[in-house]
């Protein structure tokens, strides 16, 4: 779970491709994509917009 949140935060900060995220976090491109969208939706609900 911690790595999935980190993947999401790395994407938001650096805007790499999902293929590159997959390489960095040892997951497939589609897994990186689905994990990002899952956690970004949760973070949008929990955090103020200024942090995202």
Protein backbone atom coordinates (compact mmCIF):
# COMPACT_ATOMS: atom_id res chain seq x y z
CA UNK A 1 0.00 0.00 0.00
CA UNK A 2 2.82 2.42 0.84
CA UNK A 3 4.48 1.88 -2.54
CA UNK A 4 1.17 2.43 -4.35
CA UNK A 5 0.74 5.80 -2.64
CA UNK A 6 4.36 6.66 -3.42
CA UNK A 7 3.77 5.74 -7.07
CA UNK A 8 0.83 8.14 -7.12
CA UNK A 9 2.82 10.96 -5.53
CA UNK A 10 5.77 10.42 -7.88
CA UNK A 11 3.40 10.67 -10.83
CA UNK A 12 1.81 13.87 -9.54
CA UNK A 13 5.20 15.48 -8.96
CA UNK A 14 7.16 14.36 -12.04
CA UNK A 15 4.43 13.37 -14.56
CA UNK A 16 6.30 10.37 -16.01
CA UNK A 17 4.64 7.90 -18.34
CA UNK A 18 2.91 4.92 -16.78
CA UNK A 19 5.44 2.73 -18.54
CA UNK A 20 8.25 4.53 -16.70
CA UNK A 21 6.38 4.28 -13.40
CA UNK A 22 6.02 0.56 -13.99
CA UNK A 23 9.76 0.23 -14.47
CA UNK A 24 10.50 2.26 -11.33
CA UNK A 25 8.07 0.31 -9.14
CA UNK A 26 8.45 -3.14 -10.72
CA UNK A 27 4.85 -3.36 -11.95
CA UNK A 28 3.26 -3.44 -15.39
CA UNK A 29 2.19 -0.28 -17.16
CA UNK A 30 -1.48 -1.18 -16.71
CA UNK A 31 -0.97 -1.84 -12.99
CA UNK A 32 0.76 1.52 -12.57
CA UNK A 33 -2.15 3.16 -14.37
CA UNK A 34 -4.83 1.49 -12.26
CA UNK A 35 -2.98 2.09 -8.99
CA UNK A 36 -2.53 5.77 -9.83
CA UNK A 37 -6.20 6.28 -10.61
CA UNK A 38 -7.34 4.37 -7.54
CA UNK A 39 -5.15 6.32 -5.11
CA UNK A 40 -5.54 9.70 -6.81
CA UNK A 41 -9.32 9.49 -6.39
CA UNK A 42 -8.94 8.68 -2.69
CA UNK A 43 -6.36 11.41 -2.14
CA UNK A 44 -8.59 13.96 -3.87
CA UNK A 45 -11.33 13.16 -1.38
CA UNK A 46 -9.02 13.27 1.65
CA UNK A 47 -6.65 16.14 0.89
CA UNK A 48 -7.22 19.78 0.04
CA UNK A 49 -6.82 20.63 -3.64
CA UNK A 50 -3.83 22.84 -2.88
CA UNK A 51 -1.79 19.75 -1.96
CA UNK A 52 -2.56 17.97 -5.20
